[in-house]
C-alpha atoms as a PDB file:
ATOM      1  CA  MET A   1     -21.745  25.232 -32.155  1.00  0.00           C
ATOM      2  CA  SER A   2     -25.047  23.417 -32.480  1.00  0.00           C
ATOM      3  CA  ILE A   3     -26.773  21.915 -29.455  1.00  0.00           C
ATOM      4  CA  LYS A   4     -26.406  18.484 -31.025  1.00  0.00           C
ATOM      5  CA  HIS A   5     -22.655  18.982 -31.435  1.00  0.00           C
ATOM      6  CA  PHE A   6     -22.341  20.262 -27.859  1.00  0.00           C
ATOM      7  CA  VAL A   7     -24.201  17.265 -26.439  1.00  0.00           C
ATOM      8  CA  TYR A   8     -21.947  14.926 -28.427  1.00  0.00           C
ATOM      9  CA  LEU A   9     -18.750  16.560 -27.112  1.00  0.00           C
ATOM     10  CA  LEU A  10     -20.077  16.547 -23.561  1.00  0.00           C
ATOM     11  CA  ALA A  11     -20.918  12.856 -23.761  1.00  0.00           C
ATOM     12  CA  LEU A  12     -17.481  12.119 -25.199  1.00  0.00           C
ATOM     13  CA  ALA A  13     -15.741  14.021 -22.387  1.00  0.00           C
ATOM     14  CA  LEU A  14     -17.761  12.250 -19.707  1.00  0.00           C
ATOM     15  CA  SER A  15     -16.904   8.879 -21.203  1.00  0.00           C
ATOM     16  CA  LEU A  16     -13.154   9.420 -20.873  1.00  0.00           C
ATOM     17  CA  PRO A  17     -11.804   7.822 -17.684  1.00  0.00           C
ATOM     18  CA  PHE A  18     -10.500  10.424 -15.234  1.00  0.00           C
ATOM     19  CA  GLY A  19     -10.675  13.215 -17.848  1.00  0.00           C
ATOM     20  CA  SER A  20      -7.884  14.330 -20.116  1.00  0.00           C
ATOM     21  CA  THR A  21      -5.392  15.393 -17.414  1.00  0.00           C
ATOM     22  CA  ALA A  22      -5.846  12.458 -15.063  1.00  0.00           C
ATOM     23  CA  GLN A  23      -3.890  10.043 -17.190  1.00  0.00           C
ATOM     24  CA  THR A  24      -0.473  11.489 -16.403  1.00  0.00           C
ATOM     25  CA  LEU A  25       2.033  11.275 -13.589  1.00  0.00           C
ATOM     26  CA  ASP A  26       4.045  14.280 -12.495  1.00  0.00           C
ATOM     27  CA  THR A  27       7.566  13.212 -11.540  1.00  0.00           C
ATOM     28  CA  LEU A  28       8.717  14.689  -8.225  1.00  0.00           C
ATOM     29  CA  PRO A  29      12.230  15.183  -6.805  1.00  0.00           C
ATOM     30  CA  GLY A  30      13.382  11.637  -6.099  1.00  0.00           C
ATOM     31  CA  ASN A  31      16.372   9.962  -4.507  1.00  0.00           C
ATOM     32  CA  PRO A  32      18.202   7.794  -7.087  1.00  0.00           C
ATOM     33  CA  GLY A  33      19.655   4.551  -5.827  1.00  0.00           C
ATOM     34  CA  LYS A  34      16.995   4.105  -3.142  1.00  0.00           C
ATOM     35  CA  SER A  35      13.909   1.891  -3.183  1.00  0.00           C
ATOM     36  CA  PHE A  36      10.710   3.146  -1.567  1.00  0.00           C
ATOM     37  CA  ARG A  37       7.871   0.941  -0.352  1.00  0.00           C
ATOM     38  CA  GLY A  38       6.472   2.976   2.553  1.00  0.00           C
ATOM     39  CA  LEU A  39       4.185   5.946   1.903  1.00  0.00           C
ATOM     40  CA  SER A  40       1.810   7.967   4.064  1.00  0.00           C
ATOM     41  CA  VAL A  41      -0.146  10.888   2.581  1.00  0.00           C
ATOM     42  CA  LEU A  42      -1.735  13.141   5.179  1.00  0.00           C
ATOM     43  CA  ASN A  43      -3.266  15.790   2.908  1.00  0.00           C
ATOM     44  CA  ASP A  44      -2.544  17.556  -0.367  1.00  0.00           C
ATOM     45  CA  ARG A  45       0.657  19.118   1.059  1.00  0.00           C
ATOM     46  CA  PHE A  46       2.098  16.667   3.596  1.00  0.00           C
ATOM     47  CA  PHE A  47       3.459  13.190   2.924  1.00  0.00           C
ATOM     48  CA  TRP A  48       6.086  10.830   4.291  1.00  0.00           C
ATOM     49  CA  VAL A  49       7.980   8.153   2.328  1.00  0.00           C
ATOM     50  CA  SER A  50      10.389   5.436   3.520  1.00  0.00           C
ATOM     51  CA  GLY A  51      12.755   2.902   1.994  1.00  0.00           C
ATOM     52  CA  ASN A  52      16.034   1.060   2.151  1.00  0.00           C
ATOM     53  CA  LYS A  53      19.415   2.275   3.406  1.00  0.00           C
ATOM     54  CA  GLY A  54      17.691   3.859   6.396  1.00  0.00           C
ATOM     55  CA  THR A  55      15.979   6.439   4.175  1.00  0.00           C
ATOM     56  CA  VAL A  56      12.992   8.608   5.074  1.00  0.00           C
ATOM     57  CA  GLY A  57      11.580  11.523   3.093  1.00  0.00           C
ATOM     58  CA  ARG A  58       9.149  14.262   4.103  1.00  0.00           C
ATOM     59  CA  SER A  59       7.366  16.889   2.038  1.00  0.00           C
ATOM     60  CA  THR A  60       5.274  19.794   3.310  1.00  0.00           C
ATOM     61  CA  ASP A  61       4.640  21.501  -0.022  1.00  0.00           C
ATOM     62  CA  GLY A  62       2.922  18.866  -2.144  1.00  0.00           C
ATOM     63  CA  GLY A  63       6.143  17.295  -3.354  1.00  0.00           C
ATOM     64  CA  LYS A  64       7.744  20.401  -4.831  1.00  0.00           C
ATOM     65  CA  THR A  65      10.568  19.715  -2.421  1.00  0.00           C
ATOM     66  CA  ILE A  66      11.266  16.569  -0.399  1.00  0.00           C
ATOM     67  CA  LYS A  67      13.599  16.578   2.588  1.00  0.00           C
ATOM     68  CA  TRP A  68      15.589  13.351   2.500  1.00  0.00           C
ATOM     69  CA  MET A  69      17.194  11.976   5.635  1.00  0.00           C
ATOM     70  CA  THR A  70      19.122   8.879   6.680  1.00  0.00           C
ATOM     71  CA  VAL A  71      18.162   7.720  10.163  1.00  0.00           C
ATOM     72  CA  LYS A  72      21.337   7.755  12.230  1.00  0.00           C
ATOM     73  CA  GLY A  73      22.314   4.340  13.553  1.00  0.00           C
ATOM     74  CA  TYR A  74      19.946   2.554  11.154  1.00  0.00           C
ATOM     75  CA  GLU A  75      21.713   3.210   7.850  1.00  0.00           C
ATOM     76  CA  THR A  76      21.505  -0.440   6.754  1.00  0.00           C
ATOM     77  CA  ARG A  77      17.851  -0.992   7.661  1.00  0.00           C
ATOM     78  CA  ASP A  78      14.985  -1.213   5.177  1.00  0.00           C
ATOM     79  CA  PHE A  79      11.947   0.798   6.280  1.00  0.00           C
ATOM     80  CA  ARG A  80       9.145  -0.961   4.393  1.00  0.00           C
ATOM     81  CA  ASP A  81       6.282   1.092   5.841  1.00  0.00           C
ATOM     82  CA  ILE A  82       5.711   4.486   7.389  1.00  0.00           C
ATOM     83  CA  GLU A  83       2.717   6.194   8.991  1.00  0.00           C
ATOM     84  CA  GLY A  84       2.631   9.959   9.400  1.00  0.00           C
ATOM     85  CA  PHE A  85       0.349  11.639  11.932  1.00  0.00           C
ATOM     86  CA  ASP A  86       1.276  15.230  11.106  1.00  0.00           C
ATOM     87  CA  ALA A  87       4.157  17.134   9.548  1.00  0.00           C
ATOM     88  CA  VAL A  88       6.551  16.261  12.402  1.00  0.00           C
ATOM     89  CA  THR A  89       5.312  12.954  13.858  1.00  0.00           C
ATOM     90  CA  ALA A  90       5.611   9.526  12.223  1.00  0.00           C
ATOM     91  CA  VAL A  91       6.458   5.857  12.859  1.00  0.00           C
ATOM     92  CA  VAL A  92       8.405   3.461  10.613  1.00  0.00           C
ATOM     93  CA  ILE A  93       8.869  -0.294  10.689  1.00  0.00           C
ATOM     94  CA  ALA A  94      12.097  -2.058   9.719  1.00  0.00           C
ATOM     95  CA  VAL A  95      11.938  -5.497   8.114  1.00  0.00           C
ATOM     96  CA  ASP A  96      14.129  -8.449   9.036  1.00  0.00           C
ATOM     97  CA  SER A  97      15.799  -9.033  12.389  1.00  0.00           C
ATOM     98  CA  PRO A  98      15.730  -7.425  14.804  1.00  0.00           C
ATOM     99  CA  GLY A  99      12.193  -6.216  14.172  1.00  0.00           C
ATOM    100  CA  LEU A 100      12.044  -2.501  14.898  1.00  0.00           C
ATOM    101  CA  ILE A 101       9.515   0.309  15.092  1.00  0.00           C
ATOM    102  CA  LEU A 102      10.874   3.852  15.353  1.00  0.00           C
ATOM    103  CA  ARG A 103       9.003   7.067  16.100  1.00  0.00           C
ATOM    104  CA  THR A 104       9.906  10.716  15.445  1.00  0.00           C
ATOM    105  CA  TYR A 105       8.472  13.762  17.163  1.00  0.00           C
ATOM    106  CA  ASP A 106      10.546  16.399  15.369  1.00  0.00           C
ATOM    107  CA  GLY A 107      10.132  15.867  11.644  1.00  0.00           C
ATOM    108  CA  GLY A 108      12.770  13.153  11.423  1.00  0.00           C
ATOM    109  CA  ALA A 109      15.634  14.997  13.098  1.00  0.00           C
ATOM    110  CA  SER A 110      15.717  12.263  15.761  1.00  0.00           C
ATOM    111  CA  TRP A 111      14.093   8.840  16.151  1.00  0.00           C
ATOM    112  CA  GLU A 112      13.214   6.749  19.177  1.00  0.00           C
ATOM    113  CA  GLU A 113      12.927   2.965  19.303  1.00  0.00           C
ATOM    114  CA  VAL A 114       9.419   2.214  20.536  1.00  0.00           C
ATOM    115  CA  TYR A 115       9.496  -1.529  19.754  1.00  0.00           C
ATOM    116  CA  ARG A 116      12.230  -4.149  19.301  1.00  0.00           C
ATOM    117  CA  ASN A 117      11.887  -7.883  18.709  1.00  0.00           C
ATOM    118  CA  ASN A 118      14.996 -10.065  18.569  1.00  0.00           C
ATOM    119  CA  GLU A 119      13.207 -13.361  17.904  1.00  0.00           C
ATOM    120  CA  LYS A 120      14.662 -15.470  15.120  1.00  0.00           C
ATOM    121  CA  GLY A 121      12.494 -15.277  12.005  1.00  0.00           C
ATOM    122  CA  ILE A 122      10.829 -11.955  12.835  1.00  0.00           C
ATOM    123  CA  PHE A 123       9.827 -10.078   9.671  1.00  0.00           C
ATOM    124  CA  MET A 124       7.293  -7.251   9.919  1.00  0.00           C
ATOM    125  CA  ASP A 125       5.566  -6.361   6.654  1.00  0.00           C
ATOM    126  CA  ALA A 126       3.023  -3.555   6.946  1.00  0.00           C
ATOM    127  CA  MET A 127       0.943  -1.394   9.265  1.00  0.00           C
ATOM    128  CA  ASP A 128      -2.266   0.612   9.187  1.00  0.00           C
ATOM    129  CA  PHE A 129      -4.063   3.003  11.516  1.00  0.00           C
ATOM    130  CA  HIS A 130      -7.656   3.917  12.282  1.00  0.00           C
ATOM    131  CA  LYS A 131      -8.017   7.635  12.984  1.00  0.00           C
ATOM    132  CA  ASP A 132      -4.317   7.736  13.887  1.00  0.00           C
ATOM    133  CA  ARG A 133      -4.624   6.462  17.464  1.00  0.00           C
ATOM    134  CA  GLU A 134      -5.391   2.740  16.945  1.00  0.00           C
ATOM    135  CA  GLY A 135      -3.000   0.845  14.703  1.00  0.00           C
ATOM    136  CA  MET A 136      -1.785  -2.623  13.793  1.00  0.00           C
ATOM    137  CA  VAL A 137       1.355  -4.209  12.358  1.00  0.00           C
ATOM    138  CA  ILE A 138       1.337  -7.522  10.504  1.00  0.00           C
ATOM    139  CA  GLY A 139       4.319  -9.770   9.933  1.00  0.00           C
ATOM    140  CA  ASP A 140       5.227 -13.147   8.529  1.00  0.00           C
ATOM    141  CA  PRO A 141       4.230 -16.183  10.604  1.00  0.00           C
ATOM    142  CA  LEU A 142       6.234 -16.548  13.801  1.00  0.00           C
ATOM    143  CA  ASN A 143       5.993 -19.667  15.956  1.00  0.00           C
ATOM    144  CA  GLY A 144       3.258 -20.987  13.671  1.00  0.00           C
ATOM    145  CA  GLN A 145       1.013 -17.894  13.893  1.00  0.00           C
ATOM    146  CA  ILE A 146       0.476 -14.767  11.841  1.00  0.00           C
ATOM    147  CA  PHE A 147       2.417 -12.051  13.656  1.00  0.00           C
ATOM    148  CA  LEU A 148       0.271  -9.127  14.854  1.00  0.00           C
ATOM    149  CA  LEU A 149       1.020  -6.059  16.966  1.00  0.00           C
ATOM    150  CA  ARG A 150      -1.401  -3.449  18.210  1.00  0.00           C
ATOM    151  CA  THR A 151      -1.186   0.120  19.517  1.00  0.00           C
ATOM    152  CA  ASP A 152      -3.844   2.438  20.920  1.00  0.00           C
ATOM    153  CA  ASP A 153      -1.699   5.514  21.538  1.00  0.00           C
ATOM    154  CA  GLU A 154      -0.486   6.650  18.111  1.00  0.00           C
ATOM    155  CA  GLY A 155       2.367   4.167  17.994  1.00  0.00           C
ATOM    156  CA  ARG A 156       4.050   5.071  21.281  1.00  0.00           C
ATOM    157  CA  HIS A 157       3.602   1.567  22.730  1.00  0.00           C
ATOM    158  CA  TRP A 158       2.955  -1.799  21.027  1.00  0.00           C
ATOM    159  CA  HIS A 159       1.772  -5.173  22.305  1.00  0.00           C
ATOM    160  CA  ALA A 160       1.461  -8.578  20.660  1.00  0.00           C
ATOM    161  CA  MET A 161      -1.832 -10.246  19.781  1.00  0.00           C
ATOM    162  CA  PRO A 162      -1.035 -13.973  20.078  1.00  0.00           C
ATOM    163  CA  GLY A 163      -3.530 -16.691  19.273  1.00  0.00           C
ATOM    164  CA  GLN A 164      -6.034 -14.436  17.532  1.00  0.00           C
ATOM    165  CA  LEU A 165      -5.994 -16.154  14.122  1.00  0.00           C
ATOM    166  CA  PRO A 166      -6.013 -19.641  12.614  1.00  0.00           C
ATOM    167  CA  ALA A 167      -2.596 -21.057  11.787  1.00  0.00           C
ATOM    168  CA  PRO A 168      -1.390 -20.246   8.259  1.00  0.00           C
ATOM    169  CA  ALA A 169      -0.735 -22.988   5.734  1.00  0.00           C
ATOM    170  CA  GLU A 170       2.801 -24.190   5.139  1.00  0.00           C
ATOM    171  CA  GLY A 171       4.542 -21.556   3.020  1.00  0.00           C
ATOM    172  CA  GLU A 172       1.768 -18.961   3.486  1.00  0.00           C
ATOM    173  CA  ALA A 173       3.065 -15.540   4.502  1.00  0.00           C
ATOM    174  CA  CYS A 174       2.834 -11.822   3.682  1.00  0.00           C
ATOM    175  CA  PHE A 175       4.720  -9.555   1.295  1.00  0.00           C
ATOM    176  CA  ALA A 176       6.425  -6.386   2.501  1.00  0.00           C
ATOM    177  CA  SER A 177       6.038  -4.836  -0.926  1.00  0.00           C
ATOM    178  CA  SER A 178       3.990  -1.688  -0.260  1.00  0.00           C
ATOM    179  CA  GLY A 179       2.940  -1.496   3.379  1.00  0.00           C
ATOM    180  CA  SER A 180      -0.550  -2.483   2.259  1.00  0.00           C
ATOM    181  CA  ASN A 181      -1.128  -6.028   3.565  1.00  0.00           C
ATOM    182  CA  ILE A 182      -3.383  -4.929   6.399  1.00  0.00           C
ATOM    183  CA  LYS A 183      -6.312  -2.519   6.564  1.00  0.00           C
ATOM    184  CA  MET A 184      -8.050  -1.181   9.658  1.00  0.00           C
ATOM    185  CA  LEU A 185     -11.839  -1.204   9.165  1.00  0.00           C
ATOM    186  CA  GLY A 186     -12.698   0.331  12.540  1.00  0.00           C
ATOM    187  CA  LYS A 187     -11.296   0.858  16.002  1.00  0.00           C
ATOM    188  CA  THR A 188     -10.805  -2.881  16.576  1.00  0.00           C
ATOM    189  CA  SER A 189     -11.781  -4.532  13.276  1.00  0.00           C
ATOM    190  CA  PHE A 190      -9.338  -5.216  10.460  1.00  0.00           C
ATOM    191  CA  THR A 191      -8.620  -7.282   7.375  1.00  0.00           C
ATOM    192  CA  PHE A 192      -5.368  -8.557   5.906  1.00  0.00           C
ATOM    193  CA  ILE A 193      -4.129 -10.611   2.949  1.00  0.00           C
ATOM    194  CA  THR A 194      -1.571 -13.366   2.462  1.00  0.00           C
ATOM    195  CA  GLY A 195       0.445 -14.910  -0.347  1.00  0.00           C
ATOM    196  CA  GLY A 196       2.917 -17.663  -1.070  1.00  0.00           C
ATOM    197  CA  THR A 197       1.492 -21.164  -1.214  1.00  0.00           C
ATOM    198  CA  GLN A 198      -1.982 -19.741  -0.565  1.00  0.00           C
ATOM    199  CA  SER A 199      -3.422 -16.315  -1.330  1.00  0.00           C
ATOM    200  CA  ARG A 200      -6.155 -15.495   1.177  1.00  0.00           C
ATOM    201  CA  VAL A 201      -8.036 -12.637   2.821  1.00  0.00           C
ATOM    202  CA  TRP A 202      -9.148 -12.359   6.466  1.00  0.00           C
ATOM    203  CA  VAL A 203     -12.887 -11.620   6.520  1.00  0.00           C
ATOM    204  CA  ASP A 204     -15.666 -12.506   8.986  1.00  0.00           C
ATOM    205  CA  ASN A 205     -13.060 -14.059  11.315  1.00  0.00           C
ATOM    206  CA  ARG A 206     -11.832 -16.573   8.774  1.00  0.00           C
ATOM    207  CA  LEU A 207      -9.349 -16.804   5.916  1.00  0.00           C
ATOM    208  CA  GLU A 208     -10.999 -16.954   2.467  1.00  0.00           C
ATOM    209  CA  ARG A 209      -9.194 -17.993  -0.730  1.00  0.00           C
ATOM    210  CA  LEU A 210      -8.589 -15.288  -3.347  1.00  0.00           C
ATOM    211  CA  PRO A 211      -8.679 -15.821  -7.147  1.00  0.00           C
ATOM    212  CA  LEU A 212      -5.023 -14.838  -7.487  1.00  0.00           C
ATOM    213  CA  LEU A 213      -1.876 -16.665  -8.468  1.00  0.00           C
ATOM    214  CA  ASP A 214      -0.424 -18.635  -5.581  1.00  0.00           C
ATOM    215  CA  GLY A 215       1.532 -21.801  -4.905  1.00  0.00           C
ATOM    216  CA  GLY A 216       5.038 -20.320  -4.983  1.00  0.00           C
ATOM    217  CA  ASN A 217       7.340 -18.102  -2.974  1.00  0.00           C
ATOM    218  CA  SER A 218       6.815 -15.116  -5.292  1.00  0.00           C
ATOM    219  CA  THR A 219       3.052 -15.402  -5.822  1.00  0.00           C
ATOM    220  CA  GLY A 220      -0.017 -14.103  -4.065  1.00  0.00           C
ATOM    221  CA  ALA A 221      -1.732 -10.990  -2.766  1.00  0.00           C
ATOM    222  CA  ASN A 222       0.395  -7.894  -2.154  1.00  0.00           C
ATOM    223  CA  ALA A 223      -1.992  -5.050  -1.326  1.00  0.00           C
ATOM    224  CA  ILE A 224      -5.597  -4.389  -0.341  1.00  0.00           C
ATOM    225  CA  ALA A 225      -7.645  -1.185  -0.571  1.00  0.00           C
ATOM    226  CA  VAL A 226     -11.125  -0.606   0.837  1.00  0.00           C
ATOM    227  CA  LYS A 227     -13.831   1.872  -0.182  1.00  0.00           C
ATOM    228  CA  GLY A 228     -17.151   1.091   1.502  1.00  0.00           C
ATOM    229  CA  LYS A 229     -18.385  -2.306   0.368  1.00  0.00           C
ATOM    230  CA  ARG A 230     -15.841  -2.446  -2.473  1.00  0.00           C
ATOM    231  CA  TRP A 231     -12.515  -4.092  -1.738  1.00  0.00           C
ATOM    232  CA  ILE A 232      -9.750  -4.576  -4.296  1.00  0.00           C
ATOM    233  CA  VAL A 233      -6.712  -6.836  -3.875  1.00  0.00           C
ATOM    234  CA  VAL A 234      -3.695  -6.848  -6.198  1.00  0.00           C
ATOM    235  CA  GLY A 235      -0.679  -9.100  -6.460  1.00  0.00           C
ATOM    236  CA  GLY A 236       0.441 -11.798  -8.881  1.00  0.00           C
ATOM    237  CA  ASP A 237       3.979 -13.055  -9.385  1.00  0.00           C
ATOM    238  CA  PHE A 238       6.674 -10.424  -8.929  1.00  0.00           C
ATOM    239  CA  THR A 239       9.208 -12.572 -10.807  1.00  0.00           C
ATOM    240  CA  ARG A 240       6.916 -12.463 -13.868  1.00  0.00           C
ATOM    241  CA  ASP A 241       5.591  -8.936 -13.568  1.00  0.00           C
ATOM    242  CA  THR A 242       4.053  -8.739 -17.066  1.00  0.00           C
ATOM    243  CA  LEU A 243       2.102 -11.982 -16.763  1.00  0.00           C
ATOM    244  CA  ALA A 244      -1.488 -11.011 -17.566  1.00  0.00           C
ATOM    245  CA  GLN A 245      -3.354 -13.280 -15.182  1.00  0.00           C
ATOM    246  CA  GLY A 246      -4.080 -13.805 -11.524  1.00  0.00           C
ATOM    247  CA  HIS A 247      -3.013 -10.378 -10.291  1.00  0.00           C
ATOM    248  CA  ILE A 248      -6.237  -8.583  -9.300  1.00  0.00           C
ATOM    249  CA  ALA A 249      -9.568  -9.408  -7.622  1.00  0.00           C
ATOM    250  CA  VAL A 250     -12.587  -7.253  -6.764  1.00  0.00           C
ATOM    251  CA  SER A 251     -15.234  -7.672  -4.072  1.00  0.00           C
ATOM    252  CA  ARG A 252     -18.478  -5.704  -3.866  1.00  0.00           C
ATOM    253  CA  ASP A 253     -19.658  -7.191  -0.559  1.00  0.00           C
ATOM    254  CA  ARG A 254     -16.857  -6.421   1.900  1.00  0.00           C
ATOM    255  CA  GLY A 255     -14.666  -9.332   0.936  1.00  0.00           C
ATOM    256  CA  ARG A 256     -17.154 -12.162   1.120  1.00  0.00           C
ATOM    257  CA  THR A 257     -17.131 -12.958  -2.632  1.00  0.00           C
ATOM    258  CA  TRP A 258     -14.570 -12.079  -5.274  1.00  0.00           C
ATOM    259  CA  THR A 259     -14.499 -11.680  -9.057  1.00  0.00           C
ATOM    260  CA  VAL A 260     -11.784 -11.084 -11.636  1.00  0.00           C
ATOM    261  CA  PRO A 261     -12.153  -7.877 -13.715  1.00  0.00           C
ATOM    262  CA  SER A 262     -13.187  -8.269 -17.352  1.00  0.00           C
ATOM    263  CA  THR A 263     -10.199  -6.102 -18.304  1.00  0.00           C
ATOM    264  CA  PRO A 264      -7.599  -6.536 -15.557  1.00  0.00           C
ATOM    265  CA  THR A 265      -4.466  -4.585 -14.775  1.00  0.00           C
ATOM    266  CA  THR A 266      -1.598  -5.226 -17.171  1.00  0.00           C
ATOM    267  CA  GLY A 267       0.632  -7.236 -14.863  1.00  0.00           C
ATOM    268  CA  TYR A 268       1.820  -7.838 -11.313  1.00  0.00           C
ATOM    269  CA  ARG A 269       0.744  -5.038  -8.998  1.00  0.00           C
ATOM    270  CA  SER A 270       2.006  -4.331  -5.473  1.00  0.00           C
ATOM    271  CA  GLY A 271      -0.052  -1.232  -4.621  1.00  0.00           C
ATOM    272  CA  VAL A 272      -3.683  -0.180  -5.028  1.00  0.00           C
ATOM    273  CA  ALA A 273      -5.744   2.784  -3.805  1.00  0.00           C
ATOM    274  CA  ALA A 274      -9.278   4.121  -4.102  1.00  0.00           C
ATOM    275  CA  ILE A 275      -9.403   7.652  -5.450  1.00  0.00           C
ATOM    276  CA  THR A 276     -13.199   7.873  -5.412  1.00  0.00           C
ATOM    277  CA  LYS A 277     -15.896   5.220  -5.278  1.00  0.00           C
ATOM    278  CA  LYS A 278     -15.463   4.627  -9.012  1.00  0.00           C
ATOM    279  CA  LYS A 279     -11.882   5.725  -9.647  1.00  0.00           C
ATOM    280  CA  TRP A 280      -9.018   3.459  -8.595  1.00  0.00           C
ATOM    281  CA  ILE A 281      -5.298   3.219  -9.264  1.00  0.00           C
ATOM    282  CA  ALA A 282      -2.875   0.282  -9.079  1.00  0.00           C
ATOM    283  CA  CYS A 283       0.901   0.179  -9.489  1.00  0.00           C
ATOM    284  CA  GLY A 284       3.685  -2.355  -9.788  1.00  0.00           C
ATOM    285  CA  THR A 285       7.124  -2.884 -11.232  1.00  0.00           C
ATOM    286  CA  SER A 286       5.778  -2.982 -14.805  1.00  0.00           C
ATOM    287  CA  GLY A 287       3.627   0.142 -14.674  1.00  0.00           C
ATOM    288  CA  VAL A 288       0.542   1.955 -13.429  1.00  0.00           C
ATOM    289  CA  ASP A 289      -3.125   1.280 -14.260  1.00  0.00           C
ATOM    290  CA  VAL A 290      -6.332   3.213 -13.591  1.00  0.00           C
ATOM    291  CA  SER A 291     -10.005   2.273 -13.474  1.00  0.00           C
ATOM    292  CA  SER A 292     -13.017   4.575 -13.715  1.00  0.00           C
ATOM    293  CA  ASP A 293     -15.721   1.945 -13.164  1.00  0.00           C
ATOM    294  CA  GLY A 294     -14.985   0.588  -9.724  1.00  0.00           C
ATOM    295  CA  GLY A 295     -12.334  -1.882 -10.853  1.00  0.00           C
ATOM    296  CA  ARG A 296     -14.245  -3.696 -13.597  1.00  0.00           C
ATOM    297  CA  THR A 297     -11.894  -2.498 -16.358  1.00  0.00           C
ATOM    298  CA  TRP A 298      -8.361  -1.134 -16.183  1.00  0.00           C
ATOM    299  CA  ARG A 299      -6.072   0.804 -18.497  1.00  0.00           C
ATOM    300  CA  ARG A 300      -2.326   1.348 -18.190  1.00  0.00           C
ATOM    301  CA  ILE A 301      -1.195   4.979 -18.049  1.00  0.00           C
ATOM    302  CA  SER A 302       2.530   4.496 -17.384  1.00  0.00           C
ATOM    303  CA  THR A 303       5.213   1.881 -17.910  1.00  0.00           C
ATOM    304  CA  THR A 304       7.369   3.327 -15.121  1.00  0.00           C
ATOM    305  CA  GLY A 305       7.422   1.008 -12.150  1.00  0.00           C
ATOM    306  CA  TYR A 306       6.213   2.051  -8.693  1.00  0.00           C
ATOM    307  CA  HIS A 307       5.847  -0.075  -5.550  1.00  0.00           C
ATOM    308  CA  VAL A 308       3.246   1.863  -3.562  1.00  0.00           C
ATOM    309  CA  VAL A 309       0.389   4.313  -4.140  1.00  0.00           C
ATOM    310  CA  GLN A 310      -1.722   6.199  -1.592  1.00  0.00           C
ATOM    311  CA  ARG A 311      -4.425   8.839  -1.636  1.00  0.00           C
ATOM    312  CA  ALA A 312      -4.446  11.644   0.945  1.00  0.00           C
ATOM    313  CA  LYS A 313      -6.326  10.867   4.156  1.00  0.00           C
ATOM    314  CA  LYS A 314      -7.766  14.395   3.960  1.00  0.00           C
ATOM    315  CA  GLY A 315      -7.649  15.831   0.451  1.00  0.00           C
ATOM    316  CA  ARG A 316      -7.473  14.791  -3.188  1.00  0.00           C
ATOM    317  CA  ALA A 317      -3.762  14.210  -3.761  1.00  0.00           C
ATOM    318  CA  VAL A 318      -2.511  10.791  -4.930  1.00  0.00           C
ATOM    319  CA  TYR A 319       1.194   9.977  -4.650  1.00  0.00           C
ATOM    320  CA  LEU A 320       3.337   7.028  -5.764  1.00  0.00           C
ATOM    321  CA  ALA A 321       6.827   5.836  -4.813  1.00  0.00           C
ATOM    322  CA  GLY A 322       9.051   3.049  -6.064  1.00  0.00           C
ATOM    323  CA  GLY A 323      12.422   1.793  -7.182  1.00  0.00           C
ATOM    324  CA  ASN A 324      15.438   3.917  -8.130  1.00  0.00           C
ATOM    325  CA  GLY A 325      14.129   6.694  -5.911  1.00  0.00           C
ATOM    326  CA  HIS A 326      11.035   7.391  -8.023  1.00  0.00           C
ATOM    327  CA  VAL A 327       8.295   9.580  -6.524  1.00  0.00           C
ATOM    328  CA  ALA A 328       5.312  10.917  -8.475  1.00  0.00           C
ATOM    329  CA  ARG A 329       1.916  12.575  -8.175  1.00  0.00           C
ATOM    330  CA  LEU A 330      -1.137  11.544 -10.158  1.00  0.00           C
ATOM    331  CA  ASN A 331      -2.733  14.242 -12.280  1.00  0.00           C
ATOM    332  CA  TRP A 332      -6.472  13.715 -11.953  1.00  0.00           C
END
């Protein structure tokens, strides 16, 4: 092979997003008939997943096997988000009323109620943690305020944060679509996104409008991911999941200004994650897209729908989960 030919092949390989193997999803043992929206990836071997019908899954071998369990006494509850701290400890939140947070200390064999809220209209959507100990839960507006809970002991105890935020607009709320509405930025700092009649992001202690579809019950921001100064928000209209507009926005200055990608994702997206500074992935009911240039351009790699995607807190693994019990791992 000539040097010229070698240089050409090298340049061609480097120009391919993610490389030749990164454009595939490996299907993992799922749980048909269940819908998963909660996902927590600890490292390349350990992850937790949660969904409807009181379902929780746990893998300790990179998804080769997944132990599925139904939480006793909560068989009808929908666990829309889960946070794992290690292979045996995790917390889950249940949407609708009563609002519940459960915690396990033994790999899911038993669960303890660590929070219960019987208020009418309670609906908790998502949670996030900073270095495991400090965490927050966000929920739909309650009594005219965005609902927020906080913990500083790994989810053992929770307390409300009333009066911390401006009142939402009429019809503005959050979506419990992927456990990704809120993101901890530090021990006490955080950001979150809203949808419905207005699609906004909380930044610099104020709510800023996002260039996403809004104005209806099914429109708005669904998930936010943060990598340094770069923030990406996805959403759209989940009733029109192939509509090619208003479903992704990118910020390069920590959420202060937003742009729409020149080549956006291919439809409504409910989950997004940073793989590296340049490589990102987004998923929704109409498929999965990847970007290799920091979110400026996107390309669909699968038409299988997934609700949530997460990268390992410590490691390289990227997992997805969704409807009909689907669970997958990204090959990159």
